[in-house]
Amino acid sequence: MRITIEKKHEGKTVFGLPTGNNVSRVSTNPPIEFNVVKVKRKYVDLIRVGYGRIDAYCPLSGATQDQINSGYTNNAGYKFFESLEDIDRYLEHHKKLDAIKEYFRSFTQSTLSEEDVSTIHELIYKP
């Protein structure tokens, strides 16, 4: 599932799903590959594969240090994952959660675990 980048990820590759203004409005949003260069006290130095420039990112929200300093903290960022399989599981989980919310229409409880969502989804949409 979704991760917060920590010291153990240093030197490894992580994947990010864009959020906010980083999301493309014209096409699908494929996962973006990042190499973790250095984990600092507050920020993480990441290189976006193919760009070659090191940027400091918030390890939780995925917003760059420049965005945070200029006040765009909730406007753009990335959700980080360790693998592409984790992204698939995350997207499947949210697809089921959206189906459950639509079924109940006013369902606002979004803190259900993955197992809870799967169980409820199977109960509602039995084949």
Protein backbone atom coordinates (compact mmCIF):
# COMPACT_ATOMS: atom_id res chain seq x y z
CA MET A 1 0.00 0.00 0.00
CA ARG A 2 0.96 3.67 0.20
CA ILE A 3 4.24 4.44 1.96
CA THR A 4 6.07 7.28 3.64
CA ILE A 5 9.65 7.28 2.35
CA GLU A 6 12.11 6.36 5.12
CA LYS A 7 15.81 5.61 5.55
CA LYS A 8 15.26 1.99 4.44
CA HIS A 9 14.24 3.24 0.95
CA GLU A 10 17.52 5.09 0.38
CA GLY A 11 19.16 3.93 -2.85
CA LYS A 12 15.98 2.17 -4.01
CA THR A 13 13.33 2.96 -6.58
CA VAL A 14 9.86 4.11 -5.54
CA PHE A 15 6.83 4.89 -7.67
CA GLY A 16 4.56 7.90 -7.38
CA LEU A 17 0.97 8.55 -8.42
CA PRO A 18 0.47 12.26 -9.14
CA THR A 19 -2.08 14.26 -7.15
CA GLY A 20 -3.46 17.78 -7.47
CA ASN A 21 -1.89 19.90 -10.20
CA ASN A 22 0.52 17.08 -11.09
CA VAL A 23 -2.37 15.05 -12.52
CA SER A 24 -2.69 15.18 -16.30
CA ARG A 25 -6.12 16.32 -17.42
CA VAL A 26 -5.71 14.98 -20.95
CA SER A 27 -4.40 11.46 -20.59
CA THR A 28 -4.07 8.64 -18.12
CA ASN A 29 -1.62 9.09 -15.29
CA PRO A 30 0.95 6.31 -15.33
CA PRO A 31 3.07 5.80 -12.21
CA ILE A 32 6.22 7.91 -12.14
CA GLU A 33 9.49 6.28 -11.18
CA PHE A 34 11.77 7.99 -8.63
CA ASN A 35 15.19 7.04 -7.31
CA VAL A 36 15.68 7.82 -3.62
CA VAL A 37 18.99 9.63 -3.26
CA LYS A 38 19.02 10.80 0.35
CA VAL A 39 16.56 10.79 3.23
CA LYS A 40 17.00 13.93 5.33
CA ARG A 41 15.37 15.05 8.57
CA LYS A 42 12.37 16.73 6.95
CA TYR A 43 12.64 16.12 3.18
CA VAL A 44 13.72 13.38 0.81
CA ASP A 45 16.00 13.96 -2.18
CA LEU A 46 14.51 12.16 -5.21
CA ILE A 47 15.50 11.98 -8.85
CA ARG A 48 12.64 11.49 -11.29
CA VAL A 49 13.84 8.85 -13.74
CA GLY A 50 14.52 10.45 -17.11
CA TYR A 51 14.88 13.99 -15.76
CA GLY A 52 18.21 13.82 -13.91
CA ARG A 53 17.44 16.68 -11.48
CA ILE A 54 17.39 16.18 -7.73
CA ASP A 55 14.41 17.74 -5.93
CA ALA A 56 13.54 17.73 -2.23
CA TYR A 57 10.12 16.17 -1.61
CA CYS A 58 7.99 15.77 1.49
CA PRO A 59 8.12 12.00 2.21
CA LEU A 60 4.40 11.85 3.04
CA SER A 61 2.56 14.27 0.74
CA GLY A 62 4.99 14.21 -2.18
CA ALA A 63 4.99 18.01 -2.49
CA THR A 64 8.35 19.57 -3.33
CA GLN A 65 10.10 21.82 -0.85
CA ASP A 66 9.66 24.73 -3.29
CA GLN A 67 5.90 24.16 -3.39
CA ILE A 68 5.68 24.00 0.39
CA ASN A 69 7.75 27.17 0.80
CA SER A 70 5.54 29.04 -1.67
CA GLY A 71 2.30 27.85 -0.02
CA TYR A 72 1.09 25.18 -2.48
CA THR A 73 1.19 22.35 0.03
CA ASN A 74 -2.20 20.83 -0.76
CA ASN A 75 -2.20 21.62 -4.44
CA ALA A 76 0.22 19.09 -5.92
CA GLY A 77 2.24 16.09 -4.91
CA TYR A 78 2.64 12.33 -5.22
CA LYS A 79 1.43 9.25 -3.39
CA PHE A 80 4.46 6.99 -3.03
CA PHE A 81 4.52 3.20 -3.38
CA GLU A 82 7.26 0.56 -3.22
CA SER A 83 6.11 -1.38 -6.29
CA LEU A 84 3.71 -1.34 -9.19
CA GLU A 85 1.76 -4.19 -7.56
CA ASP A 86 1.14 -1.96 -4.53
CA ILE A 87 -0.28 0.70 -6.85
CA ASP A 88 -2.60 -1.85 -8.46
CA ARG A 89 -3.80 -3.00 -5.01
CA TYR A 90 -4.29 0.62 -3.91
CA LEU A 91 -6.31 1.48 -7.03
CA GLU A 92 -8.41 -1.71 -6.72
CA HIS A 93 -9.07 -0.91 -3.06
CA HIS A 94 -10.28 2.59 -3.94
CA LYS A 95 -12.38 1.31 -6.83
CA LYS A 96 -14.19 -1.05 -4.43
CA LEU A 97 -14.50 1.70 -1.83
CA ASP A 98 -16.05 4.04 -4.42
CA ALA A 99 -18.52 1.31 -5.41
CA ILE A 100 -19.50 0.85 -1.76
CA LYS A 101 -19.89 4.60 -1.27
CA GLU A 102 -22.06 4.82 -4.36
CA TYR A 103 -24.18 1.92 -3.13
CA PHE A 104 -24.87 3.61 0.19
CA ARG A 105 -24.84 7.11 -1.36
CA SER A 106 -24.13 8.88 1.90
CA PHE A 107 -21.42 6.55 3.13
CA THR A 108 -18.58 8.74 4.45
CA GLN A 109 -16.48 6.27 6.41
CA SER A 110 -13.20 6.15 4.47
CA THR A 111 -11.04 4.57 7.18
CA LEU A 112 -12.03 1.00 6.40
CA SER A 113 -9.22 -1.50 6.07
CA GLU A 114 -8.54 -3.31 2.81
CA GLU A 115 -10.07 -6.51 4.21
CA ASP A 116 -13.23 -4.69 5.36
CA VAL A 117 -13.72 -3.11 1.94
CA SER A 118 -13.20 -6.45 0.16
CA THR A 119 -15.67 -8.21 2.48
CA ILE A 120 -18.36 -5.53 2.06
CA HIS A 121 -17.82 -5.40 -1.69
CA GLU A 122 -18.20 -9.19 -1.99
CA LEU A 123 -21.38 -9.12 0.11
CA ILE A 124 -22.97 -6.40 -2.01
CA TYR A 125 -21.80 -7.50 -5.45
CA LYS A 126 -22.00 -11.30 -5.20
CA PRO A 127 -21.64 -12.93 -8.61
